[in-house]
Protein backbone atom coordinates (compact mmCIF):
# COMPACT_ATOMS: atom_id res chain seq x y z
CA PRO A 1 15.89 24.77 -52.65
CA SER A 2 14.00 23.84 -55.74
CA PHE A 3 12.53 20.61 -54.29
CA ILE A 4 10.51 19.75 -51.17
CA VAL A 5 11.41 16.93 -48.81
CA ASN A 6 9.15 15.56 -46.09
CA ARG A 7 8.12 12.24 -44.55
CA SER A 8 5.30 11.45 -46.93
CA THR A 9 7.32 12.12 -50.06
CA ASP A 10 11.00 11.32 -50.24
CA ILE A 11 11.77 13.87 -52.88
CA ASP A 12 9.26 15.74 -54.98
CA GLY A 13 11.11 14.61 -58.10
CA GLU A 14 10.63 10.87 -57.34
CA GLU A 15 6.85 11.19 -57.37
CA SER A 16 6.96 12.63 -60.83
CA SER A 17 8.94 9.61 -62.05
CA GLY A 18 6.08 7.29 -60.96
CA MET A 19 7.81 5.49 -58.07
CA GLU A 20 5.62 4.81 -55.06
CA PRO A 21 7.19 4.95 -51.61
CA LYS A 22 7.76 1.50 -50.18
CA THR A 23 6.35 0.73 -46.74
CA PRO A 24 8.29 -1.80 -44.72
CA LYS A 25 6.52 -5.14 -44.48
CA ARG A 26 5.60 -6.22 -41.00
CA SER A 27 6.71 -9.69 -40.12
CA LYS A 28 3.71 -11.80 -39.29
CA LYS A 29 3.85 -13.56 -35.97
CA ASN A 30 2.42 -16.98 -35.91
CA ASN A 31 -0.51 -17.68 -33.60
CA VAL A 32 1.54 -19.77 -31.16
CA ASP A 33 3.95 -16.91 -30.53
CA THR A 34 1.08 -14.50 -30.04
CA ILE A 35 -0.67 -16.79 -27.57
CA ALA A 36 2.60 -17.49 -25.75
CA MET A 37 3.24 -13.75 -25.39
CA ALA A 38 -0.30 -13.19 -24.12
CA ILE A 39 0.03 -15.98 -21.56
CA SER A 40 3.39 -14.65 -20.44
CA THR A 41 2.03 -11.13 -20.07
CA MET A 42 -0.99 -12.37 -18.12
CA SER A 43 1.27 -14.40 -15.86
CA GLU A 44 3.50 -11.41 -15.17
CA THR A 45 0.46 -9.24 -14.49
CA ARG A 46 -1.00 -11.85 -12.14
CA GLU A 47 2.33 -12.03 -10.31
CA ARG A 48 2.46 -8.22 -9.91
CA VAL A 49 -1.14 -8.18 -8.65
CA TRP A 50 -0.35 -10.96 -6.18
CA GLU A 51 2.75 -9.13 -4.92
CA LYS A 52 0.75 -5.92 -4.51
CA LYS A 53 -1.98 -7.82 -2.66
CA LEU A 54 0.59 -9.32 -0.28
CA GLU A 55 2.17 -5.92 0.25
CA LEU A 56 -1.19 -4.33 1.07
CA GLU A 57 -2.08 -7.22 3.40
CA LYS A 58 1.24 -6.79 5.21
CA GLU A 59 0.59 -3.04 5.61
CA ARG A 60 -2.92 -3.76 6.92
CA ILE A 61 -1.58 -6.27 9.45
CA GLU A 62 1.13 -3.84 10.61
CA LYS A 63 -1.43 -1.04 11.04
CA ASN A 64 -3.78 -3.33 12.95
CA HIS A 65 -0.87 -4.46 15.13
CA THR A 66 0.04 -0.84 15.89
CA ILE A 67 -3.58 -0.02 16.75
CA GLU A 68 -3.92 -3.09 18.99
CA MET A 69 -0.65 -2.26 20.77
CA GLY A 70 -1.97 1.26 21.37
CA LYS A 71 -5.23 -0.12 22.76
CA LEU A 72 -3.32 -2.48 25.06
CA GLU A 73 -1.15 0.38 26.30
CA VAL A 74 -4.25 2.46 27.07
CA GLU A 75 -5.82 -0.51 28.86
CA LYS A 76 -2.63 -1.02 30.86
CA GLN A 77 -2.61 2.64 31.91
CA LYS A 78 -6.28 2.41 32.84
CA TRP A 79 -5.65 -0.57 35.12
CA GLU A 80 -2.61 1.13 36.68
CA PHE A 81 -4.81 4.14 37.40
CA GLU A 82 -7.54 1.91 38.86
CA ARG A 83 -5.01 0.11 41.06
CA GLU A 84 -3.58 3.41 42.29
CA LYS A 85 -7.10 4.73 42.93
CA MET A 86 -8.05 1.64 44.94
CA LYS A 87 -4.81 1.86 46.90
CA MET A 88 -5.51 5.50 47.77
CA GLU A 89 -9.12 4.71 48.73
CA HIS A 90 -7.87 1.91 50.98
CA GLU A 91 -5.33 4.21 52.63
CA LEU A 92 -8.03 6.85 53.10
CA LYS A 93 -10.33 4.32 54.81
CA LEU A 94 -7.49 3.20 57.08
CA LYS A 95 -6.80 6.82 58.04
CA GLU A 96 -10.52 7.39 58.69
CA MET A 97 -10.61 4.30 60.89
CA GLU A 98 -7.51 5.46 62.78
CA PHE A 99 -9.03 8.90 63.20
CA LYS A 100 -12.32 7.46 64.51
CA GLN A 101 -10.45 5.16 66.83
CA SER A 102 -8.31 8.00 68.19
CA ASN A 103 -11.47 10.12 68.73
CA ASN A 104 -13.19 7.24 70.55
CA THR A 105 -10.29 6.81 72.96
CA ASN A 106 -10.28 10.51 73.89
């Protein structure tokens, strides 16, 4: 082709005719709209932060609950073991007493 086309120049021939490329005008927002958008965005951000905080707090509570339940289960097993140990010690003492008594009678 005998002409070059790109984004900065529409057609090489138009530049030679003296026409400048037109840039679209940005519509100006009034200050009230800008402030309203900023407040809305901040409110949405605050809401997301609050939801995330609640979610993290819920996870923390659930983890603590799981840990506490585990501790209680270990404590329960410990006391069951202690009870069984005491029961066996008691039975052993009874057997020793029976043995001593049977030896004394002979």
